[in-house]
Amino acid sequence: MVKTLEKLFHTFFFGNYFYGICAVALSIEASLQQGYSLNHPFWYILLFVGTVIYYTIAYLHEKNSTSINPRTIWYKEHQTWIRKSQWLLLLIAVITGSYLVFLYGSGIQFVKTWQWIIILVFPTLAVWYYGDAIPWLRKTSLRSKGWIKPFVIGFIWAGVVNIYPAILSVMENKSSYEPDVFHFLLFLKNGMFISMLCILFDIKDYATDYNEELKTFVVRFGLRKTLFYIIIPLTAIGLGTFLTYGTVHHFPLFRMLINTVPFILLIIVTYHMHRRKSILYYLAIIDGLMLVKAICGIGGSWIQHT
């Protein structure tokens, strides 16, 4: 029983299914906070399987046969099953995506040219990020730019969970998508929050990144300065900005309080990162802050509208 639960636990986190759940939860949070109705269920299925496929591809191409990383070892031991599951997920993505196009294709005319440009920016950056697996992008892969890659990841996540649901809602309701300052601040909040998690995540790869001369924040500035001079101050600035904006625009007190929880937890987790952590700690606790943020945002929005 214990071994079965351990296998399921590893599959859930190493197989990136947790990332898929986080993406769906953040998408729901962003829709509610921006005042849009929830999207068709097929959008959330497509977002879930797309996230799992994307993050799994990178590890399927992992070539370091001597790695002692538990996640890398798990991928090597389960490669046949993972490849089959990838094809199944891809089939689901094609079916759900095709159905959404069939269902809301007539709403495409309401998407403006500048919005199409924005739509295409995020998948382009996502491909460019893992460009080390593509011959003509290998030398310029964003993943090899240590100081910028956390912000690229945060930017992509924010775009997918903030902007895509909003534009899909426009297509569903045949209306116009006109983002304002509040939409931009929500996008920035999501992007920066996830970027801070990415910088924390780079701590586990410090030795590898140092040997490969990948100038991540922790390699460039050291652990203590990264934690106390970069992550905590930027998180505090983000929290202060949110509280200021919420106060000026008269947000309900409960909404403001519950949305401060993820920022406070991020600061607490950051403070305790000076000790060595396991890979599952990073996957479950640090990345788990994305889910906590989504739940708090959804709770705040739900209370406000009841």
C-alpha atoms as a PDB file:
ATOM      1  CA  MET A   1       0.000   0.000   0.000  1.00  0.00           C
ATOM      2  CA  VAL A   2       2.785   2.393   0.961  1.00  0.00           C
ATOM      3  CA  LYS A   3       4.723   1.624  -2.240  1.00  0.00           C
ATOM      4  CA  THR A   4       1.588   2.136  -4.330  1.00  0.00           C
ATOM      5  CA  LEU A   5       0.960   5.525  -2.741  1.00  0.00           C
ATOM      6  CA  GLU A   6       4.613   6.467  -3.260  1.00  0.00           C
ATOM      7  CA  LYS A   7       4.388   5.553  -6.958  1.00  0.00           C
ATOM      8  CA  LEU A   8       1.217   7.599  -7.359  1.00  0.00           C
ATOM      9  CA  PHE A   9       2.853  10.506  -5.536  1.00  0.00           C
ATOM     10  CA  HIS A  10       5.868  10.408  -7.844  1.00  0.00           C
ATOM     11  CA  THR A  11       3.695  10.085 -10.933  1.00  0.00           C
ATOM     12  CA  PHE A  12       1.548  13.025  -9.849  1.00  0.00           C
ATOM     13  CA  PHE A  13       4.490  15.387  -9.329  1.00  0.00           C
ATOM     14  CA  PHE A  14       7.206  14.014 -11.624  1.00  0.00           C
ATOM     15  CA  GLY A  15       4.665  13.489 -14.405  1.00  0.00           C
ATOM     16  CA  ASN A  16       3.725  17.202 -14.237  1.00  0.00           C
ATOM     17  CA  TYR A  17       0.052  16.546 -13.508  1.00  0.00           C
ATOM     18  CA  PHE A  18       0.323  18.918 -10.566  1.00  0.00           C
ATOM     19  CA  TYR A  19       1.462  21.662 -12.949  1.00  0.00           C
ATOM     20  CA  GLY A  20      -1.638  20.994 -15.024  1.00  0.00           C
ATOM     21  CA  ILE A  21      -3.867  21.435 -11.982  1.00  0.00           C
ATOM     22  CA  CYS A  22      -2.063  24.660 -11.036  1.00  0.00           C
ATOM     23  CA  ALA A  23      -2.557  26.051 -14.548  1.00  0.00           C
ATOM     24  CA  VAL A  24      -6.296  25.307 -14.463  1.00  0.00           C
ATOM     25  CA  ALA A  25      -6.693  26.805 -10.986  1.00  0.00           C
ATOM     26  CA  LEU A  26      -4.784  29.979 -11.933  1.00  0.00           C
ATOM     27  CA  SER A  27      -6.880  30.307 -15.100  1.00  0.00           C
ATOM     28  CA  ILE A  28     -10.106  30.121 -13.085  1.00  0.00           C
ATOM     29  CA  GLU A  29      -8.718  32.643 -10.590  1.00  0.00           C
ATOM     30  CA  ALA A  30      -7.732  35.087 -13.340  1.00  0.00           C
ATOM     31  CA  SER A  31     -11.140  34.874 -15.030  1.00  0.00           C
ATOM     32  CA  LEU A  32     -12.979  35.592 -11.794  1.00  0.00           C
ATOM     33  CA  GLN A  33     -10.661  38.430 -10.799  1.00  0.00           C
ATOM     34  CA  GLN A  34     -10.936  40.056 -14.227  1.00  0.00           C
ATOM     35  CA  GLY A  35     -14.721  39.796 -14.164  1.00  0.00           C
ATOM     36  CA  TYR A  36     -15.117  37.218 -16.949  1.00  0.00           C
ATOM     37  CA  SER A  37     -17.377  34.198 -16.828  1.00  0.00           C
ATOM     38  CA  LEU A  38     -15.687  30.813 -16.598  1.00  0.00           C
ATOM     39  CA  ASN A  39     -14.718  29.249 -19.898  1.00  0.00           C
ATOM     40  CA  HIS A  40     -16.038  26.083 -21.494  1.00  0.00           C
ATOM     41  CA  PRO A  41     -14.855  22.936 -19.597  1.00  0.00           C
ATOM     42  CA  PHE A  42     -12.955  21.837 -22.709  1.00  0.00           C
ATOM     43  CA  TRP A  43     -10.669  24.872 -22.312  1.00  0.00           C
ATOM     44  CA  TYR A  44      -9.599  23.657 -18.884  1.00  0.00           C
ATOM     45  CA  ILE A  45      -9.045  20.134 -20.208  1.00  0.00           C
ATOM     46  CA  LEU A  46      -6.955  21.546 -23.069  1.00  0.00           C
ATOM     47  CA  LEU A  47      -4.973  23.736 -20.667  1.00  0.00           C
ATOM     48  CA  PHE A  48      -4.342  20.791 -18.334  1.00  0.00           C
ATOM     49  CA  VAL A  49      -3.109  18.361 -20.989  1.00  0.00           C
ATOM     50  CA  GLY A  50      -1.154  21.087 -22.795  1.00  0.00           C
ATOM     51  CA  THR A  51       0.733  21.958 -19.608  1.00  0.00           C
ATOM     52  CA  VAL A  52       1.537  18.304 -18.887  1.00  0.00           C
ATOM     53  CA  ILE A  53       2.714  17.685 -22.471  1.00  0.00           C
ATOM     54  CA  TYR A  54       4.911  20.790 -22.521  1.00  0.00           C
ATOM     55  CA  TYR A  55       6.722  20.112 -19.251  1.00  0.00           C
ATOM     56  CA  THR A  56       7.100  16.404 -19.982  1.00  0.00           C
ATOM     57  CA  ILE A  57       8.758  16.922 -23.388  1.00  0.00           C
ATOM     58  CA  ALA A  58      11.835  18.492 -21.785  1.00  0.00           C
ATOM     59  CA  TYR A  59      12.534  15.470 -19.574  1.00  0.00           C
ATOM     60  CA  LEU A  60      11.894  12.968 -22.349  1.00  0.00           C
ATOM     61  CA  HIS A  61      14.905  14.491 -24.112  1.00  0.00           C
ATOM     62  CA  GLU A  62      17.108  14.414 -21.022  1.00  0.00           C
ATOM     63  CA  LYS A  63      20.395  12.759 -22.018  1.00  0.00           C
ATOM     64  CA  ASN A  64      22.324  12.813 -18.750  1.00  0.00           C
ATOM     65  CA  SER A  65      22.533   9.076 -18.059  1.00  0.00           C
ATOM     66  CA  THR A  66      24.616   9.597 -14.885  1.00  0.00           C
ATOM     67  CA  SER A  67      22.216  12.026 -13.230  1.00  0.00           C
ATOM     68  CA  ILE A  68      21.181  11.272  -9.647  1.00  0.00           C
ATOM     69  CA  ASN A  69      18.179  13.593  -9.877  1.00  0.00           C
ATOM     70  CA  PRO A  70      15.172  11.474  -8.727  1.00  0.00           C
ATOM     71  CA  ARG A  71      12.940  13.023 -11.380  1.00  0.00           C
ATOM     72  CA  THR A  72      15.412  12.272 -14.187  1.00  0.00           C
ATOM     73  CA  ILE A  73      15.766   8.696 -12.938  1.00  0.00           C
ATOM     74  CA  TRP A  74      11.961   8.352 -12.800  1.00  0.00           C
ATOM     75  CA  TYR A  75      11.689   9.448 -16.431  1.00  0.00           C
ATOM     76  CA  LYS A  76      14.298   6.922 -17.535  1.00  0.00           C
ATOM     77  CA  GLU A  77      12.538   4.096 -15.700  1.00  0.00           C
ATOM     78  CA  HIS A  78       9.091   4.959 -17.066  1.00  0.00           C
ATOM     79  CA  GLN A  79       9.953   6.240 -20.532  1.00  0.00           C
ATOM     80  CA  THR A  80       7.757   3.754 -22.428  1.00  0.00           C
ATOM     81  CA  TRP A  81       4.681   4.532 -20.344  1.00  0.00           C
ATOM     82  CA  ILE A  82       5.345   8.286 -20.485  1.00  0.00           C
ATOM     83  CA  ARG A  83       5.600   8.279 -24.283  1.00  0.00           C
ATOM     84  CA  LYS A  84       2.309   6.401 -24.588  1.00  0.00           C
ATOM     85  CA  SER A  85       0.628   8.810 -22.173  1.00  0.00           C
ATOM     86  CA  GLN A  86       1.994  11.749 -24.173  1.00  0.00           C
ATOM     87  CA  TRP A  87       0.304  10.449 -27.329  1.00  0.00           C
ATOM     88  CA  LEU A  88      -2.949   9.983 -25.414  1.00  0.00           C
ATOM     89  CA  LEU A  89      -2.751  13.501 -24.009  1.00  0.00           C
ATOM     90  CA  LEU A  90      -1.960  14.866 -27.463  1.00  0.00           C
ATOM     91  CA  LEU A  91      -5.068  13.143 -28.846  1.00  0.00           C
ATOM     92  CA  ILE A  92      -7.169  14.702 -26.079  1.00  0.00           C
ATOM     93  CA  ALA A  93      -5.637  18.111 -26.842  1.00  0.00           C
ATOM     94  CA  VAL A  94      -6.489  17.794 -30.548  1.00  0.00           C
ATOM     95  CA  ILE A  95     -10.079  16.742 -29.797  1.00  0.00           C
ATOM     96  CA  THR A  96     -10.757  19.461 -27.223  1.00  0.00           C
ATOM     97  CA  GLY A  97      -8.984  22.128 -29.273  1.00  0.00           C
ATOM     98  CA  SER A  98     -10.874  21.201 -32.427  1.00  0.00           C
ATOM     99  CA  TYR A  99     -14.178  21.266 -30.575  1.00  0.00           C
ATOM    100  CA  LEU A 100     -13.471  24.736 -29.172  1.00  0.00           C
ATOM    101  CA  VAL A 101     -12.615  26.020 -32.639  1.00  0.00           C
ATOM    102  CA  PHE A 102     -15.846  24.499 -33.994  1.00  0.00           C
ATOM    103  CA  LEU A 103     -17.866  25.913 -31.113  1.00  0.00           C
ATOM    104  CA  TYR A 104     -16.478  29.446 -31.068  1.00  0.00           C
ATOM    105  CA  GLY A 105     -14.904  29.796 -34.516  1.00  0.00           C
ATOM    106  CA  SER A 106     -17.421  32.453 -35.483  1.00  0.00           C
ATOM    107  CA  GLY A 107     -16.096  34.616 -32.648  1.00  0.00           C
ATOM    108  CA  ILE A 108     -12.627  34.802 -34.197  1.00  0.00           C
ATOM    109  CA  GLN A 109     -13.711  37.916 -36.083  1.00  0.00           C
ATOM    110  CA  PHE A 110     -13.923  39.744 -32.762  1.00  0.00           C
ATOM    111  CA  VAL A 111     -10.223  39.106 -32.076  1.00  0.00           C
ATOM    112  CA  LYS A 112      -8.195  42.065 -33.312  1.00  0.00           C
ATOM    113  CA  THR A 113      -4.814  41.962 -35.026  1.00  0.00           C
ATOM    114  CA  TRP A 114      -2.899  43.193 -31.962  1.00  0.00           C
ATOM    115  CA  GLN A 115      -4.610  40.511 -29.918  1.00  0.00           C
ATOM    116  CA  TRP A 116      -3.472  37.808 -32.364  1.00  0.00           C
ATOM    117  CA  ILE A 117       0.069  39.088 -31.944  1.00  0.00           C
ATOM    118  CA  ILE A 118      -0.264  38.716 -28.172  1.00  0.00           C
ATOM    119  CA  ILE A 119      -1.771  35.232 -28.571  1.00  0.00           C
ATOM    120  CA  LEU A 120       1.196  34.092 -30.650  1.00  0.00           C
ATOM    121  CA  VAL A 121       3.855  35.627 -28.384  1.00  0.00           C
ATOM    122  CA  PHE A 122       3.439  33.077 -25.593  1.00  0.00           C
ATOM    123  CA  PRO A 123       3.730  29.813 -27.587  1.00  0.00           C
ATOM    124  CA  THR A 124       6.641  31.367 -29.508  1.00  0.00           C
ATOM    125  CA  LEU A 125       8.487  32.085 -26.263  1.00  0.00           C
ATOM    126  CA  ALA A 126       7.563  28.636 -24.921  1.00  0.00           C
ATOM    127  CA  VAL A 127       9.208  26.969 -27.937  1.00  0.00           C
ATOM    128  CA  TRP A 128      12.166  29.341 -27.780  1.00  0.00           C
ATOM    129  CA  TYR A 129      12.636  28.546 -24.072  1.00  0.00           C
ATOM    130  CA  TYR A 130      13.302  24.866 -24.835  1.00  0.00           C
ATOM    131  CA  GLY A 131      15.229  25.790 -27.959  1.00  0.00           C
ATOM    132  CA  ASP A 132      18.235  23.721 -26.828  1.00  0.00           C
ATOM    133  CA  ALA A 133      16.358  20.717 -28.263  1.00  0.00           C
ATOM    134  CA  ILE A 134      15.926  22.465 -31.647  1.00  0.00           C
ATOM    135  CA  PRO A 135      19.092  22.757 -33.793  1.00  0.00           C
ATOM    136  CA  TRP A 136      18.487  26.273 -35.165  1.00  0.00           C
ATOM    137  CA  LEU A 137      17.480  27.645 -31.731  1.00  0.00           C
ATOM    138  CA  ARG A 138      20.095  25.865 -29.628  1.00  0.00           C
ATOM    139  CA  LYS A 139      22.506  28.797 -29.373  1.00  0.00           C
ATOM    140  CA  THR A 140      19.804  31.300 -28.442  1.00  0.00           C
ATOM    141  CA  SER A 141      17.681  29.117 -26.154  1.00  0.00           C
ATOM    142  CA  LEU A 142      16.087  31.254 -23.444  1.00  0.00           C
ATOM    143  CA  ARG A 143      16.614  28.431 -20.994  1.00  0.00           C
ATOM    144  CA  SER A 144      20.373  29.054 -21.228  1.00  0.00           C
ATOM    145  CA  LYS A 145      19.972  32.707 -20.193  1.00  0.00           C
ATOM    146  CA  GLY A 146      20.094  32.204 -16.440  1.00  0.00           C
ATOM    147  CA  TRP A 147      19.119  35.695 -15.331  1.00  0.00           C
ATOM    148  CA  ILE A 148      16.154  36.035 -17.700  1.00  0.00           C
ATOM    149  CA  LYS A 149      14.623  32.541 -17.724  1.00  0.00           C
ATOM    150  CA  PRO A 150      12.566  32.930 -14.494  1.00  0.00           C
ATOM    151  CA  PHE A 151      10.885  36.007 -15.932  1.00  0.00           C
ATOM    152  CA  VAL A 152      10.281  34.293 -19.271  1.00  0.00           C
ATOM    153  CA  ILE A 153       8.526  31.428 -17.483  1.00  0.00           C
ATOM    154  CA  GLY A 154       6.494  33.860 -15.374  1.00  0.00           C
ATOM    155  CA  PHE A 155       5.563  35.868 -18.472  1.00  0.00           C
ATOM    156  CA  ILE A 156       4.398  32.744 -20.343  1.00  0.00           C
ATOM    157  CA  TRP A 157       2.363  31.445 -17.407  1.00  0.00           C
ATOM    158  CA  ALA A 158       0.733  34.842 -16.851  1.00  0.00           C
ATOM    159  CA  GLY A 159      -0.163  35.073 -20.524  1.00  0.00           C
ATOM    160  CA  VAL A 160      -1.691  31.615 -20.679  1.00  0.00           C
ATOM    161  CA  VAL A 161      -3.741  31.902 -17.481  1.00  0.00           C
ATOM    162  CA  ASN A 162      -4.670  35.605 -17.722  1.00  0.00           C
ATOM    163  CA  ILE A 163      -4.962  36.554 -21.372  1.00  0.00           C
ATOM    164  CA  TYR A 164      -6.055  33.340 -23.102  1.00  0.00           C
ATOM    165  CA  PRO A 165      -9.178  32.799 -20.940  1.00  0.00           C
ATOM    166  CA  ALA A 166     -10.120  36.460 -21.418  1.00  0.00           C
ATOM    167  CA  ILE A 167      -9.825  36.300 -25.207  1.00  0.00           C
ATOM    168  CA  LEU A 168     -11.672  32.985 -25.284  1.00  0.00           C
ATOM    169  CA  SER A 169     -14.445  34.624 -23.262  1.00  0.00           C
ATOM    170  CA  VAL A 170     -14.589  37.370 -25.897  1.00  0.00           C
ATOM    171  CA  MET A 171     -14.991  34.737 -28.596  1.00  0.00           C
ATOM    172  CA  GLU A 172     -17.651  32.928 -26.581  1.00  0.00           C
ATOM    173  CA  ASN A 173     -19.705  36.066 -25.951  1.00  0.00           C
ATOM    174  CA  LYS A 174     -18.895  37.781 -29.264  1.00  0.00           C
ATOM    175  CA  SER A 175     -17.767  40.898 -27.436  1.00  0.00           C
ATOM    176  CA  SER A 176     -14.652  43.069 -27.353  1.00  0.00           C
ATOM    177  CA  TYR A 177     -11.531  42.473 -25.258  1.00  0.00           C
ATOM    178  CA  GLU A 178     -10.362  45.811 -23.863  1.00  0.00           C
ATOM    179  CA  PRO A 179      -7.838  45.290 -21.046  1.00  0.00           C
ATOM    180  CA  ASP A 180      -7.299  48.153 -18.602  1.00  0.00           C
ATOM    181  CA  VAL A 181      -4.786  48.979 -15.880  1.00  0.00           C
ATOM    182  CA  PHE A 182      -6.358  46.443 -13.499  1.00  0.00           C
ATOM    183  CA  HIS A 183      -5.935  43.649 -16.070  1.00  0.00           C
ATOM    184  CA  PHE A 184      -2.307  44.642 -16.571  1.00  0.00           C
ATOM    185  CA  LEU A 185      -1.632  44.641 -12.815  1.00  0.00           C
ATOM    186  CA  LEU A 186      -3.169  41.177 -12.450  1.00  0.00           C
ATOM    187  CA  PHE A 187      -0.989  39.967 -15.322  1.00  0.00           C
ATOM    188  CA  LEU A 188       2.078  41.510 -13.674  1.00  0.00           C
ATOM    189  CA  LYS A 189       1.162  40.032 -10.272  1.00  0.00           C
ATOM    190  CA  ASN A 190       0.852  36.511 -11.673  1.00  0.00           C
ATOM    191  CA  GLY A 191       4.005  36.850 -13.743  1.00  0.00           C
ATOM    192  CA  MET A 192       6.153  38.174 -10.907  1.00  0.00           C
ATOM    193  CA  PHE A 193       4.814  35.668  -8.374  1.00  0.00           C
ATOM    194  CA  ILE A 194       5.671  32.732 -10.620  1.00  0.00           C
ATOM    195  CA  SER A 195       9.038  34.278 -11.503  1.00  0.00           C
ATOM    196  CA  MET A 196       9.945  34.387  -7.805  1.00  0.00           C
ATOM    197  CA  LEU A 197       9.054  30.687  -7.524  1.00  0.00           C
ATOM    198  CA  CYS A 198      11.288  29.968 -10.523  1.00  0.00           C
ATOM    199  CA  ILE A 199      14.233  31.742  -8.898  1.00  0.00           C
ATOM    200  CA  LEU A 200      13.680  29.631  -5.779  1.00  0.00           C
ATOM    201  CA  PHE A 201      13.490  26.525  -7.950  1.00  0.00           C
ATOM    202  CA  ASP A 202      16.904  27.308  -9.446  1.00  0.00           C
ATOM    203  CA  ILE A 203      18.434  26.772  -6.008  1.00  0.00           C
ATOM    204  CA  LYS A 204      18.129  22.984  -6.367  1.00  0.00           C
ATOM    205  CA  ASP A 205      20.209  23.115  -9.583  1.00  0.00           C
ATOM    206  CA  TYR A 206      22.925  25.355  -8.171  1.00  0.00           C
ATOM    207  CA  ALA A 207      25.779  22.826  -8.534  1.00  0.00           C
ATOM    208  CA  THR A 208      24.818  21.855 -12.094  1.00  0.00           C
ATOM    209  CA  ASP A 209      24.255  25.451 -13.189  1.00  0.00           C
ATOM    210  CA  TYR A 210      27.561  26.523 -11.624  1.00  0.00           C
ATOM    211  CA  ASN A 211      29.501  23.795 -13.453  1.00  0.00           C
ATOM    212  CA  GLU A 212      27.767  24.651 -16.743  1.00  0.00           C
ATOM    213  CA  GLU A 213      28.401  28.365 -16.147  1.00  0.00           C
ATOM    214  CA  LEU A 214      24.692  29.131 -16.319  1.00  0.00           C
ATOM    215  CA  LYS A 215      24.408  32.487 -14.576  1.00  0.00           C
ATOM    216  CA  THR A 216      21.197  32.047 -12.620  1.00  0.00           C
ATOM    217  CA  PHE A 217      20.528  34.495  -9.794  1.00  0.00           C
ATOM    218  CA  VAL A 218      21.762  32.056  -7.149  1.00  0.00           C
ATOM    219  CA  VAL A 219      24.966  31.345  -9.120  1.00  0.00           C
ATOM    220  CA  ARG A 220      25.583  35.017  -9.819  1.00  0.00           C
ATOM    221  CA  PHE A 221      24.783  36.473  -6.392  1.00  0.00           C
ATOM    222  CA  GLY A 222      24.905  33.509  -4.020  1.00  0.00           C
ATOM    223  CA  LEU A 223      22.107  31.938  -1.996  1.00  0.00           C
ATOM    224  CA  ARG A 224      21.754  34.499   0.795  1.00  0.00           C
ATOM    225  CA  LYS A 225      21.703  37.565  -1.459  1.00  0.00           C
ATOM    226  CA  THR A 226      19.226  35.878  -3.806  1.00  0.00           C
ATOM    227  CA  LEU A 227      16.871  35.101  -0.945  1.00  0.00           C
ATOM    228  CA  PHE A 228      17.133  38.296   1.103  1.00  0.00           C
ATOM    229  CA  TYR A 229      18.058  40.941  -1.484  1.00  0.00           C
ATOM    230  CA  ILE A 230      16.007  39.788  -4.473  1.00  0.00           C
ATOM    231  CA  ILE A 231      13.093  37.454  -3.713  1.00  0.00           C
ATOM    232  CA  ILE A 232      11.898  38.838  -0.372  1.00  0.00           C
ATOM    233  CA  PRO A 233      12.153  42.545  -1.412  1.00  0.00           C
ATOM    234  CA  LEU A 234      10.401  41.957  -4.762  1.00  0.00           C
ATOM    235  CA  THR A 235       7.683  39.916  -3.054  1.00  0.00           C
ATOM    236  CA  ALA A 236       7.225  42.662  -0.456  1.00  0.00           C
ATOM    237  CA  ILE A 237       6.967  45.273  -3.223  1.00  0.00           C
ATOM    238  CA  GLY A 238       4.346  43.147  -4.980  1.00  0.00           C
ATOM    239  CA  LEU A 239       2.378  42.780  -1.768  1.00  0.00           C
ATOM    240  CA  GLY A 240       2.621  46.508  -1.049  1.00  0.00           C
ATOM    241  CA  THR A 241       1.481  47.383  -4.559  1.00  0.00           C
ATOM    242  CA  PHE A 242      -1.535  45.091  -4.267  1.00  0.00           C
ATOM    243  CA  LEU A 243      -2.524  46.485  -0.856  1.00  0.00           C
ATOM    244  CA  THR A 244      -2.145  50.061  -2.097  1.00  0.00           C
ATOM    245  CA  TYR A 245      -4.215  49.426  -5.209  1.00  0.00           C
ATOM    246  CA  GLY A 246      -6.844  47.524  -3.237  1.00  0.00           C
ATOM    247  CA  THR A 247      -7.117  50.294  -0.657  1.00  0.00           C
ATOM    248  CA  VAL A 248      -7.415  53.038  -3.269  1.00  0.00           C
ATOM    249  CA  HIS A 249     -10.092  51.098  -5.165  1.00  0.00           C
ATOM    250  CA  HIS A 250     -11.945  50.027  -2.008  1.00  0.00           C
ATOM    251  CA  PHE A 251     -11.521  46.264  -2.275  1.00  0.00           C
ATOM    252  CA  PRO A 252     -13.472  44.333   0.382  1.00  0.00           C
ATOM    253  CA  LEU A 253     -11.325  43.682   3.458  1.00  0.00           C
ATOM    254  CA  PHE A 254     -11.657  39.886   3.238  1.00  0.00           C
ATOM    255  CA  ARG A 255     -10.582  39.884  -0.412  1.00  0.00           C
ATOM    256  CA  MET A 256      -7.481  41.882   0.450  1.00  0.00           C
ATOM    257  CA  LEU A 257      -6.600  39.736   3.437  1.00  0.00           C
ATOM    258  CA  ILE A 258      -6.993  36.365   1.713  1.00  0.00           C
ATOM    259  CA  ASN A 259      -4.962  37.537  -1.286  1.00  0.00           C
ATOM    260  CA  THR A 260      -2.050  38.481   0.971  1.00  0.00           C
ATOM    261  CA  VAL A 261      -1.718  34.861   2.168  1.00  0.00           C
ATOM    262  CA  PRO A 262       0.319  33.602  -0.860  1.00  0.00           C
ATOM    263  CA  PHE A 263       2.748  36.530  -0.580  1.00  0.00           C
ATOM    264  CA  ILE A 264       3.271  35.940   3.134  1.00  0.00           C
ATOM    265  CA  LEU A 265       3.768  32.201   2.582  1.00  0.00           C
ATOM    266  CA  LEU A 266       6.259  32.930  -0.204  1.00  0.00           C
ATOM    267  CA  ILE A 267       8.282  35.123   2.151  1.00  0.00           C
ATOM    268  CA  ILE A 268       8.167  32.426   4.863  1.00  0.00           C
ATOM    269  CA  VAL A 269       9.240  29.678   2.435  1.00  0.00           C
ATOM    270  CA  THR A 270      12.013  31.902   1.072  1.00  0.00           C
ATOM    271  CA  TYR A 271      13.315  32.568   4.590  1.00  0.00           C
ATOM    272  CA  HIS A 272      13.694  28.815   5.185  1.00  0.00           C
ATOM    273  CA  MET A 273      15.408  28.036   1.880  1.00  0.00           C
ATOM    274  CA  HIS A 274      18.902  28.268   3.321  1.00  0.00           C
ATOM    275  CA  ARG A 275      18.611  24.573   4.209  1.00  0.00           C
ATOM    276  CA  ARG A 276      18.897  21.774   1.648  1.00  0.00           C
ATOM    277  CA  LYS A 277      15.537  20.548   0.322  1.00  0.00           C
ATOM    278  CA  SER A 278      14.485  17.476  -1.669  1.00  0.00           C
ATOM    279  CA  ILE A 279      13.181  17.681  -5.240  1.00  0.00           C
ATOM    280  CA  LEU A 280       9.692  16.783  -4.009  1.00  0.00           C
ATOM    281  CA  TYR A 281       9.823  19.754  -1.614  1.00  0.00           C
ATOM    282  CA  TYR A 282      10.360  22.050  -4.587  1.00  0.00           C
ATOM    283  CA  LEU A 283       7.582  20.381  -6.587  1.00  0.00           C
ATOM    284  CA  ALA A 284       5.025  20.095  -3.798  1.00  0.00           C
ATOM    285  CA  ILE A 285       5.735  23.079  -1.535  1.00  0.00           C
ATOM    286  CA  ILE A 286       7.307  25.780  -3.702  1.00  0.00           C
ATOM    287  CA  ASP A 287       5.252  25.091  -6.834  1.00  0.00           C
ATOM    288  CA  GLY A 288       2.330  24.381  -4.512  1.00  0.00           C
ATOM    289  CA  LEU A 289       2.258  28.107  -3.745  1.00  0.00           C
ATOM    290  CA  MET A 290       0.766  28.562  -7.221  1.00  0.00           C
ATOM    291  CA  LEU A 291      -2.200  26.453  -6.171  1.00  0.00           C
ATOM    292  CA  VAL A 292      -2.459  28.284  -2.839  1.00  0.00           C
ATOM    293  CA  LYS A 293      -2.487  31.601  -4.701  1.00  0.00           C
ATOM    294  CA  ALA A 294      -5.221  30.387  -7.036  1.00  0.00           C
ATOM    295  CA  ILE A 295      -7.377  29.060  -4.190  1.00  0.00           C
ATOM    296  CA  CYS A 296      -7.038  32.318  -2.256  1.00  0.00           C
ATOM    297  CA  GLY A 297      -7.871  34.376  -5.345  1.00  0.00           C
ATOM    298  CA  ILE A 298     -10.887  32.219  -6.168  1.00  0.00           C
ATOM    299  CA  GLY A 299     -12.055  32.385  -2.551  1.00  0.00           C
ATOM    300  CA  GLY A 300     -11.721  36.154  -2.455  1.00  0.00           C
ATOM    301  CA  SER A 301     -13.625  36.599  -5.713  1.00  0.00           C
ATOM    302  CA  TRP A 302     -16.344  34.138  -4.668  1.00  0.00           C
ATOM    303  CA  ILE A 303     -16.923  35.849  -1.316  1.00  0.00           C
ATOM    304  CA  GLN A 304     -17.074  39.235  -3.025  1.00  0.00           C
ATOM    305  CA  HIS A 305     -19.849  38.096  -5.372  1.00  0.00           C
ATOM    306  CA  THR A 306     -21.994  36.304  -2.776  1.00  0.00           C
END
